[in-house]
PDB file of all heavy atoms in Angstrom:
ATOM      1  N   GLY A   1     140.645  12.638   3.690  1.00  0.00           N
ATOM      2  CA  GLY A   1     140.398  12.074   4.927  1.00  0.00           C
ATOM      3  C   GLY A   1     139.235  12.511   5.774  1.00  0.00           C
ATOM      4  O   GLY A   1     138.972  12.070   6.884  1.00  0.00           O
ATOM      5  N   LYS A   2     138.381  13.458   5.129  1.00  0.00           N
ATOM      6  CA  LYS A   2     137.157  13.892   5.907  1.00  0.00           C
ATOM      7  C   LYS A   2     135.779  13.522   5.180  1.00  0.00           C
ATOM      8  O   LYS A   2     135.856  13.485   3.985  1.00  0.00           O
ATOM      9  CB  LYS A   2     137.220  15.496   5.878  1.00  0.00           C
ATOM     10  CG  LYS A   2     138.456  15.992   6.811  1.00  0.00           C
ATOM     11  CD  LYS A   2     138.316  17.573   6.707  1.00  0.00           C
ATOM     12  CE  LYS A   2     139.494  18.046   7.496  1.00  0.00           C
ATOM     13  NZ  LYS A   2     139.491  19.682   7.558  1.00  0.00           N
ATOM     14  N   THR A   3     134.939  13.204   5.936  1.00  0.00           N
ATOM     15  CA  THR A   3     133.594  12.873   5.425  1.00  0.00           C
ATOM     16  C   THR A   3     132.824  14.009   4.980  1.00  0.00           C
ATOM     17  O   THR A   3     132.766  15.104   5.583  1.00  0.00           O
ATOM     18  CB  THR A   3     132.771  12.068   6.559  1.00  0.00           C
ATOM     19  OG1 THR A   3     133.620  10.911   6.869  1.00  0.00           O
ATOM     20  CG2 THR A   3     131.367  11.640   5.867  1.00  0.00           C
ATOM     21  N   GLN A   4     132.365  13.991   3.706  1.00  0.00           N
ATOM     22  CA  GLN A   4     131.626  15.104   3.147  1.00  0.00           C
ATOM     23  C   GLN A   4     130.100  14.815   3.000  1.00  0.00           C
ATOM     24  O   GLN A   4     129.763  13.719   2.701  1.00  0.00           O
ATOM     25  CB  GLN A   4     132.124  15.411   1.653  1.00  0.00           C
ATOM     26  CG  GLN A   4     133.629  15.774   1.578  1.00  0.00           C
ATOM     27  CD  GLN A   4     133.998  16.948   2.301  1.00  0.00           C
ATOM     28  OE1 GLN A   4     133.282  17.981   2.123  1.00  0.00           O
ATOM     29  NE2 GLN A   4     135.102  16.903   3.222  1.00  0.00           N
ATOM     30  N   ASN A   5     129.342  15.641   3.481  1.00  0.00           N
ATOM     31  CA  ASN A   5     127.819  15.493   3.556  1.00  0.00           C
ATOM     32  C   ASN A   5     127.311  16.102   2.075  1.00  0.00           C
ATOM     33  O   ASN A   5     127.667  17.191   1.646  1.00  0.00           O
ATOM     34  CB  ASN A   5     127.256  16.175   4.758  1.00  0.00           C
ATOM     35  CG  ASN A   5     127.605  15.629   5.986  1.00  0.00           C
ATOM     36  OD1 ASN A   5     127.901  14.484   6.045  1.00  0.00           O
ATOM     37  ND2 ASN A   5     127.524  16.291   7.043  1.00  0.00           N
ATOM     38  N   PHE A   6     126.243  15.416   1.619  1.00  0.00           N
ATOM     39  CA  PHE A   6     125.724  15.812   0.369  1.00  0.00           C
ATOM     40  C   PHE A   6     124.259  16.040   0.636  1.00  0.00           C
ATOM     41  O   PHE A   6     123.529  15.445   1.509  1.00  0.00           O
ATOM     42  CB  PHE A   6     125.862  14.776  -0.758  1.00  0.00           C
ATOM     43  CG  PHE A   6     127.323  14.660  -1.078  1.00  0.00           C
ATOM     44  CD1 PHE A   6     128.212  13.701  -0.597  1.00  0.00           C
ATOM     45  CD2 PHE A   6     127.861  15.459  -2.092  1.00  0.00           C
ATOM     46  CE1 PHE A   6     129.597  13.629  -0.805  1.00  0.00           C
ATOM     47  CE2 PHE A   6     129.268  15.287  -2.516  1.00  0.00           C
ATOM     48  CZ  PHE A   6     129.991  14.393  -1.928  1.00  0.00           C
ATOM     49  N   GLN A   7     123.627  16.868  -0.192  1.00  0.00           N
ATOM     50  CA  GLN A   7     122.215  17.087  -0.182  1.00  0.00           C
ATOM     51  C   GLN A   7     121.718  16.907  -1.591  1.00  0.00           C
ATOM     52  O   GLN A   7     122.064  17.503  -2.504  1.00  0.00           O
ATOM     53  CB  GLN A   7     121.864  18.710   0.214  1.00  0.00           C
ATOM     54  CG  GLN A   7     120.461  18.926   0.340  1.00  0.00           C
ATOM     55  CD  GLN A   7     120.178  20.368   0.892  1.00  0.00           C
ATOM     56  OE1 GLN A   7     120.997  21.202   0.631  1.00  0.00           O
ATOM     57  NE2 GLN A   7     119.056  20.609   1.514  1.00  0.00           N
ATOM     58  N   ILE A   8     120.722  15.975  -1.592  1.00  0.00           N
ATOM     59  CA  ILE A   8     120.004  15.670  -2.905  1.00  0.00           C
ATOM     60  C   ILE A   8     118.910  16.899  -3.160  1.00  0.00           C
ATOM     61  O   ILE A   8     118.127  17.078  -2.286  1.00  0.00           O
ATOM     62  CB  ILE A   8     119.390  14.363  -2.950  1.00  0.00           C
ATOM     63  CG1 ILE A   8     120.456  13.289  -2.692  1.00  0.00           C
ATOM     64  CG2 ILE A   8     118.612  14.058  -4.219  1.00  0.00           C
ATOM     65  CD1 ILE A   8     119.916  11.900  -2.552  1.00  0.00           C
ATOM     66  N   ILE A   9     119.143  17.400  -4.405  1.00  0.00           N
ATOM     67  CA  ILE A   9     118.257  18.614  -4.742  1.00  0.00           C
ATOM     68  C   ILE A   9     117.282  18.125  -5.751  1.00  0.00           C
ATOM     69  O   ILE A   9     117.639  17.531  -6.754  1.00  0.00           O
ATOM     70  CB  ILE A   9     119.122  19.832  -5.011  1.00  0.00           C
ATOM     71  CG1 ILE A   9     119.994  20.321  -3.958  1.00  0.00           C
ATOM     72  CG2 ILE A   9     118.239  20.887  -5.468  1.00  0.00           C
ATOM     73  CD1 ILE A   9     121.007  21.329  -4.364  1.00  0.00           C
ATOM     74  N   ASP A  10     116.052  18.473  -5.565  1.00  0.00           N
ATOM     75  CA  ASP A  10     114.956  18.202  -6.582  1.00  0.00           C
ATOM     76  C   ASP A  10     115.064  19.169  -7.649  1.00  0.00           C
ATOM     77  O   ASP A  10     114.743  20.351  -7.398  1.00  0.00           O
ATOM     78  CB  ASP A  10     113.554  18.092  -5.902  1.00  0.00           C
ATOM     79  CG  ASP A  10     112.473  17.605  -6.968  1.00  0.00           C
ATOM     80  OD1 ASP A  10     112.817  17.362  -8.055  1.00  0.00           O
ATOM     81  OD2 ASP A  10     111.276  17.676  -6.597  1.00  0.00           O
ATOM     82  N   ILE A  11     115.434  18.767  -9.004  1.00  0.00           N
ATOM     83  CA  ILE A  11     115.414  19.771 -10.016  1.00  0.00           C
ATOM     84  C   ILE A  11     114.453  19.444 -11.025  1.00  0.00           C
ATOM     85  O   ILE A  11     114.567  19.910 -12.176  1.00  0.00           O
ATOM     86  CB  ILE A  11     116.940  19.691 -10.703  1.00  0.00           C
ATOM     87  CG1 ILE A  11     117.237  18.446 -11.255  1.00  0.00           C
ATOM     88  CG2 ILE A  11     118.009  20.233  -9.635  1.00  0.00           C
ATOM     89  CD1 ILE A  11     118.597  18.327 -12.069  1.00  0.00           C
ATOM     90  N   THR A  12     113.440  18.756 -10.606  1.00  0.00           N
ATOM     91  CA  THR A  12     112.355  18.396 -11.617  1.00  0.00           C
ATOM     92  C   THR A  12     111.886  19.717 -12.289  1.00  0.00           C
ATOM     93  O   THR A  12     111.626  19.730 -13.423  1.00  0.00           O
ATOM     94  CB  THR A  12     111.212  17.631 -10.850  1.00  0.00           C
ATOM     95  OG1 THR A  12     111.719  16.536 -10.329  1.00  0.00           O
ATOM     96  CG2 THR A  12     110.206  17.272 -11.977  1.00  0.00           C
ATOM     97  N   PRO A  13     111.475  20.797 -11.525  1.00  0.00           N
ATOM     98  CA  PRO A  13     110.862  21.968 -12.188  1.00  0.00           C
ATOM     99  C   PRO A  13     111.877  22.597 -13.313  1.00  0.00           C
ATOM    100  O   PRO A  13     111.453  23.005 -14.288  1.00  0.00           O
ATOM    101  CB  PRO A  13     110.744  22.977 -11.057  1.00  0.00           C
ATOM    102  CG  PRO A  13     110.611  22.177  -9.835  1.00  0.00           C
ATOM    103  CD  PRO A  13     111.606  21.036 -10.162  1.00  0.00           C
ATOM    104  N   GLU A  14     113.290  22.568 -12.928  1.00  0.00           N
ATOM    105  CA  GLU A  14     114.138  22.924 -14.031  1.00  0.00           C
ATOM    106  C   GLU A  14     114.145  22.143 -15.220  1.00  0.00           C
ATOM    107  O   GLU A  14     114.242  22.656 -16.339  1.00  0.00           O
ATOM    108  CB  GLU A  14     115.512  23.129 -13.336  1.00  0.00           C
ATOM    109  CG  GLU A  14     115.720  24.214 -12.340  1.00  0.00           C
ATOM    110  CD  GLU A  14     115.242  23.874 -11.032  1.00  0.00           C
ATOM    111  OE1 GLU A  14     114.663  22.803 -10.849  1.00  0.00           O
ATOM    112  OE2 GLU A  14     115.463  24.719  -9.967  1.00  0.00           O
ATOM    113  N   VAL A  15     114.143  20.830 -15.034  1.00  0.00           N
ATOM    114  CA  VAL A  15     114.090  19.940 -16.218  1.00  0.00           C
ATOM    115  C   VAL A  15     112.871  20.199 -17.037  1.00  0.00           C
ATOM    116  O   VAL A  15     112.962  20.250 -18.265  1.00  0.00           O
ATOM    117  CB  VAL A  15     114.091  18.399 -15.657  1.00  0.00           C
ATOM    118  CG1 VAL A  15     113.964  17.476 -16.955  1.00  0.00           C
ATOM    119  CG2 VAL A  15     115.388  18.202 -15.088  1.00  0.00           C
ATOM    120  N   ILE A  16     111.659  20.327 -16.334  1.00  0.00           N
ATOM    121  CA  ILE A  16     110.347  20.427 -17.143  1.00  0.00           C
ATOM    122  C   ILE A  16     110.560  21.930 -17.916  1.00  0.00           C
ATOM    123  O   ILE A  16     110.155  22.006 -19.013  1.00  0.00           O
ATOM    124  CB  ILE A  16     109.256  20.493 -16.246  1.00  0.00           C
ATOM    125  CG1 ILE A  16     109.098  19.095 -15.547  1.00  0.00           C
ATOM    126  CG2 ILE A  16     107.956  20.784 -16.945  1.00  0.00           C
ATOM    127  CD1 ILE A  16     108.134  18.919 -14.545  1.00  0.00           C
ATOM    128  N   ARG A  17     111.108  22.873 -17.132  1.00  0.00           N
ATOM    129  CA  ARG A  17     111.056  24.205 -17.778  1.00  0.00           C
ATOM    130  C   ARG A  17     112.029  24.153 -19.052  1.00  0.00           C
ATOM    131  O   ARG A  17     111.683  24.750 -20.017  1.00  0.00           O
ATOM    132  CB  ARG A  17     111.703  25.153 -16.729  1.00  0.00           C
ATOM    133  CG  ARG A  17     111.796  26.623 -17.385  1.00  0.00           C
ATOM    134  CD  ARG A  17     112.589  27.429 -16.341  1.00  0.00           C
ATOM    135  NE  ARG A  17     113.888  26.923 -16.236  1.00  0.00           N
ATOM    136  CZ  ARG A  17     114.772  27.046 -15.236  1.00  0.00           C
ATOM    137  NH1 ARG A  17     114.372  27.788 -14.211  1.00  0.00           N
ATOM    138  NH2 ARG A  17     115.979  26.592 -15.230  1.00  0.00           N
ATOM    139  N   ASP A  18     113.149  23.570 -18.943  1.00  0.00           N
ATOM    140  CA  ASP A  18     114.154  23.480 -20.016  1.00  0.00           C
ATOM    141  C   ASP A  18     113.551  22.719 -21.263  1.00  0.00           C
ATOM    142  O   ASP A  18     113.857  23.001 -22.335  1.00  0.00           O
ATOM    143  CB  ASP A  18     115.420  22.924 -19.549  1.00  0.00           C
ATOM    144  CG  ASP A  18     116.188  23.785 -18.640  1.00  0.00           C
ATOM    145  OD1 ASP A  18     115.826  25.075 -18.549  1.00  0.00           O
ATOM    146  OD2 ASP A  18     117.090  23.211 -17.877  1.00  0.00           O
ATOM    147  N   TYR A  19     112.915  21.631 -20.888  1.00  0.00           N
ATOM    148  CA  TYR A  19     112.429  20.790 -22.048  1.00  0.00           C
ATOM    149  C   TYR A  19     111.210  21.273 -22.766  1.00  0.00           C
ATOM    150  O   TYR A  19     111.066  21.231 -23.947  1.00  0.00           O
ATOM    151  CB  TYR A  19     112.072  19.382 -21.482  1.00  0.00           C
ATOM    152  CG  TYR A  19     111.789  18.247 -22.602  1.00  0.00           C
ATOM    153  CD1 TYR A  19     112.961  17.615 -23.138  1.00  0.00           C
ATOM    154  CD2 TYR A  19     110.628  17.945 -22.939  1.00  0.00           C
ATOM    155  CE1 TYR A  19     112.828  16.735 -24.102  1.00  0.00           C
ATOM    156  CE2 TYR A  19     110.505  17.031 -23.953  1.00  0.00           C
ATOM    157  CZ  TYR A  19     111.556  16.364 -24.626  1.00  0.00           C
ATOM    158  OH  TYR A  19     111.390  15.486 -25.497  1.00  0.00           O
ATOM    159  N   PHE A  20     110.399  21.963 -21.997  1.00  0.00           N
ATOM    160  CA  PHE A  20     109.181  22.540 -22.596  1.00  0.00           C
ATOM    161  C   PHE A  20     109.263  24.118 -22.586  1.00  0.00           C
ATOM    162  O   PHE A  20     108.120  24.725 -22.291  1.00  0.00           O
ATOM    163  CB  PHE A  20     107.778  21.992 -21.944  1.00  0.00           C
ATOM    164  CG  PHE A  20     107.871  20.468 -21.945  1.00  0.00           C
ATOM    165  CD1 PHE A  20     107.744  19.811 -20.810  1.00  0.00           C
ATOM    166  CD2 PHE A  20     107.769  19.795 -23.096  1.00  0.00           C
ATOM    167  CE1 PHE A  20     107.740  18.375 -20.717  1.00  0.00           C
ATOM    168  CE2 PHE A  20     107.659  18.396 -23.074  1.00  0.00           C
ATOM    169  CZ  PHE A  20     107.719  17.766 -21.935  1.00  0.00           C
ATOM    170  N   GLU A  21     110.220  24.583 -22.908  1.00  0.00           N
ATOM    171  CA  GLU A  21     110.545  26.082 -22.801  1.00  0.00           C
ATOM    172  C   GLU A  21     109.414  27.004 -23.583  1.00  0.00           C
ATOM    173  O   GLU A  21     109.089  27.944 -23.033  1.00  0.00           O
ATOM    174  CB  GLU A  21     111.937  26.380 -23.081  1.00  0.00           C
ATOM    175  CG  GLU A  21     112.253  27.821 -22.714  1.00  0.00           C
ATOM    176  CD  GLU A  21     113.697  28.262 -23.032  1.00  0.00           C
ATOM    177  OE1 GLU A  21     114.432  27.400 -23.536  1.00  0.00           O
ATOM    178  OE2 GLU A  21     114.216  29.228 -22.486  1.00  0.00           O
ATOM    179  N   GLU A  22     109.168  26.501 -24.628  1.00  0.00           N
ATOM    180  CA  GLU A  22     108.319  27.308 -25.573  1.00  0.00           C
ATOM    181  C   GLU A  22     106.882  27.212 -25.240  1.00  0.00           C
ATOM    182  O   GLU A  22     106.164  28.126 -25.604  1.00  0.00           O
ATOM    183  CB  GLU A  22     108.470  26.714 -27.022  1.00  0.00           C
ATOM    184  CG  GLU A  22     107.601  25.401 -27.273  1.00  0.00           C
ATOM    185  CD  GLU A  22     108.449  24.183 -26.760  1.00  0.00           C
ATOM    186  OE1 GLU A  22     109.492  24.369 -26.377  1.00  0.00           O
ATOM    187  OE2 GLU A  22     107.914  23.059 -26.961  1.00  0.00           O
ATOM    188  N   ILE A  23     106.436  26.395 -24.149  1.00  0.00           N
ATOM    189  CA  ILE A  23     105.027  26.429 -23.806  1.00  0.00           C
ATOM    190  C   ILE A  23     104.869  27.039 -22.371  1.00  0.00           C
ATOM    191  O   ILE A  23     103.878  26.969 -21.799  1.00  0.00           O
ATOM    192  CB  ILE A  23     104.400  25.048 -23.807  1.00  0.00           C
ATOM    193  CG1 ILE A  23     105.144  24.141 -22.914  1.00  0.00           C
ATOM    194  CG2 ILE A  23     104.311  24.551 -25.221  1.00  0.00           C
ATOM    195  CD1 ILE A  23     104.307  22.830 -22.759  1.00  0.00           C
ATOM    196  N   THR A  24     105.966  27.526 -21.695  1.00  0.00           N
ATOM    197  CA  THR A  24     105.981  28.027 -20.422  1.00  0.00           C
ATOM    198  C   THR A  24     105.756  29.448 -20.462  1.00  0.00           C
ATOM    199  O   THR A  24     106.630  30.108 -21.075  1.00  0.00           O
ATOM    200  CB  THR A  24     107.304  27.698 -19.651  1.00  0.00           C
ATOM    201  OG1 THR A  24     107.540  26.282 -19.668  1.00  0.00           O
ATOM    202  CG2 THR A  24     107.297  28.273 -18.222  1.00  0.00           C
ATOM    203  N   PRO A  25     104.715  30.045 -19.860  1.00  0.00           N
ATOM    204  CA  PRO A  25     104.473  31.464 -19.908  1.00  0.00           C
ATOM    205  C   PRO A  25     105.575  32.253 -19.060  1.00  0.00           C
ATOM    206  O   PRO A  25     106.015  31.675 -18.117  1.00  0.00           O
ATOM    207  CB  PRO A  25     103.115  31.740 -19.374  1.00  0.00           C
ATOM    208  CG  PRO A  25     103.057  30.497 -18.497  1.00  0.00           C
ATOM    209  CD  PRO A  25     103.703  29.387 -19.157  1.00  0.00           C
ATOM    210  N   PRO A  26     106.022  33.397 -19.584  1.00  0.00           N
ATOM    211  CA  PRO A  26     106.973  34.289 -18.820  1.00  0.00           C
ATOM    212  C   PRO A  26     106.433  34.775 -17.567  1.00  0.00           C
ATOM    213  O   PRO A  26     105.202  34.966 -17.572  1.00  0.00           O
ATOM    214  CB  PRO A  26     107.368  35.310 -19.894  1.00  0.00           C
ATOM    215  CG  PRO A  26     106.221  35.453 -20.687  1.00  0.00           C
ATOM    216  CD  PRO A  26     105.604  34.092 -20.793  1.00  0.00           C
ATOM    217  N   PRO A  27     107.110  34.794 -16.443  1.00  0.00           N
ATOM    218  CA  PRO A  27     106.612  35.338 -15.185  1.00  0.00           C
ATOM    219  C   PRO A  27     106.260  36.838 -15.367  1.00  0.00           C
ATOM    220  O   PRO A  27     106.861  37.568 -16.055  1.00  0.00           O
ATOM    221  CB  PRO A  27     107.811  35.135 -14.229  1.00  0.00           C
ATOM    222  CG  PRO A  27     109.044  35.203 -15.177  1.00  0.00           C
ATOM    223  CD  PRO A  27     108.716  34.560 -16.424  1.00  0.00           C
ATOM    224  N   GLU A  28     105.173  37.182 -14.598  1.00  0.00           N
ATOM    225  CA  GLU A  28     104.735  38.457 -14.549  1.00  0.00           C
ATOM    226  C   GLU A  28     105.868  39.329 -13.905  1.00  0.00           C
ATOM    227  O   GLU A  28     106.445  39.002 -13.137  1.00  0.00           O
ATOM    228  CB  GLU A  28     103.362  38.591 -13.738  1.00  0.00           C
ATOM    229  CG  GLU A  28     102.244  37.669 -14.373  1.00  0.00           C
ATOM    230  CD  GLU A  28     100.982  38.007 -13.537  1.00  0.00           C
ATOM    231  OE1 GLU A  28     100.867  38.711 -12.766  1.00  0.00           O
ATOM    232  OE2 GLU A  28     100.015  37.267 -14.040  1.00  0.00           O
ATOM    233  N   GLU A  29     105.725  40.657 -14.526  1.00  0.00           N
ATOM    234  CA  GLU A  29     106.741  41.575 -14.054  1.00  0.00           C
ATOM    235  C   GLU A  29     106.465  41.827 -12.526  1.00  0.00           C
ATOM    236  O   GLU A  29     105.352  42.067 -12.086  1.00  0.00           O
ATOM    237  CB  GLU A  29     106.562  42.928 -14.805  1.00  0.00           C
ATOM    238  CG  GLU A  29     107.602  43.981 -14.527  1.00  0.00           C
ATOM    239  CD  GLU A  29     107.473  45.168 -15.357  1.00  0.00           C
ATOM    240  OE1 GLU A  29     106.692  45.136 -16.279  1.00  0.00           O
ATOM    241  OE2 GLU A  29     108.208  46.126 -15.066  1.00  0.00           O
ATOM    242  N   GLY A  30     107.540  41.842 -11.878  1.00  0.00           N
ATOM    243  CA  GLY A  30     107.501  42.155 -10.416  1.00  0.00           C
ATOM    244  C   GLY A  30     107.220  40.952  -9.531  1.00  0.00           C
ATOM    245  O   GLY A  30     107.253  41.017  -8.301  1.00  0.00           O
ATOM    246  N   SER A  31     107.033  39.738 -10.128  1.00  0.00           N
ATOM    247  CA  SER A  31     106.760  38.530  -9.328  1.00  0.00           C
ATOM    248  C   SER A  31     107.923  37.734  -9.137  1.00  0.00           C
ATOM    249  O   SER A  31     108.946  37.814  -9.936  1.00  0.00           O
ATOM    250  CB  SER A  31     105.607  37.701 -10.070  1.00  0.00           C
ATOM    251  OG  SER A  31     106.149  37.178 -11.257  1.00  0.00           O
ATOM    252  N   GLU A  32     107.903  36.895  -8.092  1.00  0.00           N
ATOM    253  CA  GLU A  32     109.008  36.147  -7.830  1.00  0.00           C
ATOM    254  C   GLU A  32     109.080  34.855  -8.713  1.00  0.00           C
ATOM    255  O   GLU A  32     107.908  34.322  -9.076  1.00  0.00           O
ATOM    256  CB  GLU A  32     108.902  35.527  -6.406  1.00  0.00           C
ATOM    257  CG  GLU A  32     109.274  36.535  -5.369  1.00  0.00           C
ATOM    258  CD  GLU A  32     110.761  36.926  -5.366  1.00  0.00           C
ATOM    259  OE1 GLU A  32     111.463  36.054  -5.789  1.00  0.00           O
ATOM    260  OE2 GLU A  32     111.100  38.008  -5.083  1.00  0.00           O
ATOM    261  N   PRO A  33     110.198  34.356  -9.381  1.00  0.00           N
ATOM    262  CA  PRO A  33     110.225  33.183 -10.188  1.00  0.00           C
ATOM    263  C   PRO A  33     109.854  32.035  -9.286  1.00  0.00           C
ATOM    264  O   PRO A  33     109.788  31.911  -8.139  1.00  0.00           O
ATOM    265  CB  PRO A  33     111.609  33.044 -10.650  1.00  0.00           C
ATOM    266  CG  PRO A  33     112.324  33.853  -9.584  1.00  0.00           C
ATOM    267  CD  PRO A  33     111.460  35.000  -9.126  1.00  0.00           C
ATOM    268  N   LEU A  34     109.316  30.973  -9.982  1.00  0.00           N
ATOM    269  CA  LEU A  34     108.903  29.614  -9.350  1.00  0.00           C
ATOM    270  C   LEU A  34     109.959  29.091  -8.546  1.00  0.00           C
ATOM    271  O   LEU A  34     109.733  28.608  -7.431  1.00  0.00           O
ATOM    272  CB  LEU A  34     108.416  28.667 -10.403  1.00  0.00           C
ATOM    273  CG  LEU A  34     107.968  27.319  -9.853  1.00  0.00           C
ATOM    274  CD1 LEU A  34     106.740  27.521  -8.972  1.00  0.00           C
ATOM    275  CD2 LEU A  34     107.584  26.310 -10.992  1.00  0.00           C
ATOM    276  N   ASP A  35     111.296  29.222  -9.004  1.00  0.00           N
ATOM    277  CA  ASP A  35     112.352  28.500  -8.283  1.00  0.00           C
ATOM    278  C   ASP A  35     112.569  29.185  -6.942  1.00  0.00           C
ATOM    279  O   ASP A  35     113.185  28.568  -5.971  1.00  0.00           O
ATOM    280  CB  ASP A  35     113.788  28.666  -9.120  1.00  0.00           C
ATOM    281  CG  ASP A  35     113.492  28.051 -10.408  1.00  0.00           C
ATOM    282  OD1 ASP A  35     112.497  27.191 -10.663  1.00  0.00           O
ATOM    283  OD2 ASP A  35     114.382  28.269 -11.254  1.00  0.00           O
ATOM    284  N   SER A  36     112.110  30.418  -6.682  1.00  0.00           N
ATOM    285  CA  SER A  36     112.330  30.924  -5.405  1.00  0.00           C
ATOM    286  C   SER A  36     111.318  30.653  -4.353  1.00  0.00           C
ATOM    287  O   SER A  36     111.415  31.121  -3.190  1.00  0.00           O
ATOM    288  CB  SER A  36     112.320  32.552  -5.538  1.00  0.00           C
ATOM    289  OG  SER A  36     111.115  33.077  -5.948  1.00  0.00           O
ATOM    290  N   MET A  37     110.230  30.078  -4.720  1.00  0.00           N
ATOM    291  CA  MET A  37     109.203  29.728  -3.796  1.00  0.00           C
ATOM    292  C   MET A  37     109.760  28.742  -2.875  1.00  0.00           C
ATOM    293  O   MET A  37     110.310  27.816  -3.193  1.00  0.00           O
ATOM    294  CB  MET A  37     108.070  29.124  -4.543  1.00  0.00           C
ATOM    295  CG  MET A  37     107.335  30.222  -5.415  1.00  0.00           C
ATOM    296  SD  MET A  37     106.397  31.346  -4.375  1.00  0.00           S
ATOM    297  CE  MET A  37     105.056  30.349  -3.946  1.00  0.00           C
ATOM    298  N   PRO A  38     109.348  28.922  -1.454  1.00  0.00           N
ATOM    299  CA  PRO A  38     109.891  27.828  -0.580  1.00  0.00           C
ATOM    300  C   PRO A  38     109.191  26.566  -0.773  1.00  0.00           C
ATOM    301  O   PRO A  38     107.949  26.428  -0.994  1.00  0.00           O
ATOM    302  CB  PRO A  38     109.503  28.455   0.759  1.00  0.00           C
ATOM    303  CG  PRO A  38     108.442  29.394   0.463  1.00  0.00           C
ATOM    304  CD  PRO A  38     108.635  29.853  -0.851  1.00  0.00           C
ATOM    305  N   LYS A  39     110.009  25.451  -0.825  1.00  0.00           N
ATOM    306  CA  LYS A  39     109.409  24.059  -1.039  1.00  0.00           C
ATOM    307  C   LYS A  39     109.737  23.222   0.194  1.00  0.00           C
ATOM    308  O   LYS A  39     110.622  23.428   0.891  1.00  0.00           O
ATOM    309  CB  LYS A  39     110.120  23.424  -2.261  1.00  0.00           C
ATOM    310  CG  LYS A  39     109.850  24.076  -3.574  1.00  0.00           C
ATOM    311  CD  LYS A  39     110.597  23.396  -4.688  1.00  0.00           C
ATOM    312  CE  LYS A  39     110.299  24.089  -5.989  1.00  0.00           C
ATOM    313  NZ  LYS A  39     110.953  25.489  -6.087  1.00  0.00           N
ATOM    314  N   PRO A  40     108.512  22.499   0.623  1.00  0.00           N
ATOM    315  CA  PRO A  40     108.808  21.731   1.760  1.00  0.00           C
ATOM    316  C   PRO A  40     109.769  20.593   1.577  1.00  0.00           C
ATOM    317  O   PRO A  40     110.110  20.140   0.454  1.00  0.00           O
ATOM    318  CB  PRO A  40     107.436  20.984   1.980  1.00  0.00           C
ATOM    319  CG  PRO A  40     106.820  21.004   0.568  1.00  0.00           C
ATOM    320  CD  PRO A  40     107.353  22.285  -0.029  1.00  0.00           C
ATOM    321  N   SER A  41     110.516  20.339   2.756  1.00  0.00           N
ATOM    322  CA  SER A  41     111.551  19.207   2.645  1.00  0.00           C
ATOM    323  C   SER A  41     110.993  17.852   2.416  1.00  0.00           C
ATOM    324  O   SER A  41     109.753  17.689   2.821  1.00  0.00           O
ATOM    325  CB  SER A  41     112.400  19.260   3.871  1.00  0.00           C
ATOM    326  OG  SER A  41     113.039  20.533   3.981  1.00  0.00           O
ATOM    327  N   SER A  42     111.816  16.932   2.086  1.00  0.00           N
ATOM    328  CA  SER A  42     111.192  15.527   1.941  1.00  0.00           C
ATOM    329  C   SER A  42     112.385  14.710   2.561  1.00  0.00           C
ATOM    330  O   SER A  42     113.315  15.062   2.999  1.00  0.00           O
ATOM    331  CB  SER A  42     110.831  15.231   0.436  1.00  0.00           C
ATOM    332  OG  SER A  42     112.110  15.262  -0.204  1.00  0.00           O
ATOM    333  N   THR A  43     112.086  13.332   2.534  1.00  0.00           N
ATOM    334  CA  THR A  43     113.071  12.426   2.963  1.00  0.00           C
ATOM    335  C   THR A  43     114.311  12.295   2.080  1.00  0.00           C
ATOM    336  O   THR A  43     115.291  11.692   2.415  1.00  0.00           O
ATOM    337  CB  THR A  43     112.514  11.098   3.289  1.00  0.00           C
ATOM    338  OG1 THR A  43     111.913  10.683   1.804  1.00  0.00           O
ATOM    339  CG2 THR A  43     111.360  10.985   4.156  1.00  0.00           C
ATOM    340  N   ALA A  44     114.182  12.915   0.882  1.00  0.00           N
ATOM    341  CA  ALA A  44     115.345  12.958   0.012  1.00  0.00           C
ATOM    342  C   ALA A  44     116.429  13.926   0.325  1.00  0.00           C
ATOM    343  O   ALA A  44     117.479  13.913  -0.042  1.00  0.00           O
ATOM    344  CB  ALA A  44     114.865  13.167  -1.434  1.00  0.00           C
ATOM    345  N   GLN A  45     116.052  14.893   1.325  1.00  0.00           N
ATOM    346  CA  GLN A  45     116.994  15.895   1.786  1.00  0.00           C
ATOM    347  C   GLN A  45     117.833  15.190   2.985  1.00  0.00           C
ATOM    348  O   GLN A  45     117.197  14.956   3.970  1.00  0.00           O
ATOM    349  CB  GLN A  45     116.326  17.169   2.195  1.00  0.00           C
ATOM    350  CG  GLN A  45     115.787  17.895   1.093  1.00  0.00           C
ATOM    351  CD  GLN A  45     115.041  19.134   1.421  1.00  0.00           C
ATOM    352  OE1 GLN A  45     114.647  19.234   2.586  1.00  0.00           O
ATOM    353  NE2 GLN A  45     115.099  20.097   0.589  1.00  0.00           N
TER     354      GLN A  45
END
């Protein structure tokens, strides 16, 4: 009986990473992974 809010999340980088895993260079030691970079919001949020 309660309305639930949802947030659409862009997972394009994860899809690309999983599909082309063998051509993606590993992150340098001590650097932040790409997923942790802040991304600007869009109208999809």
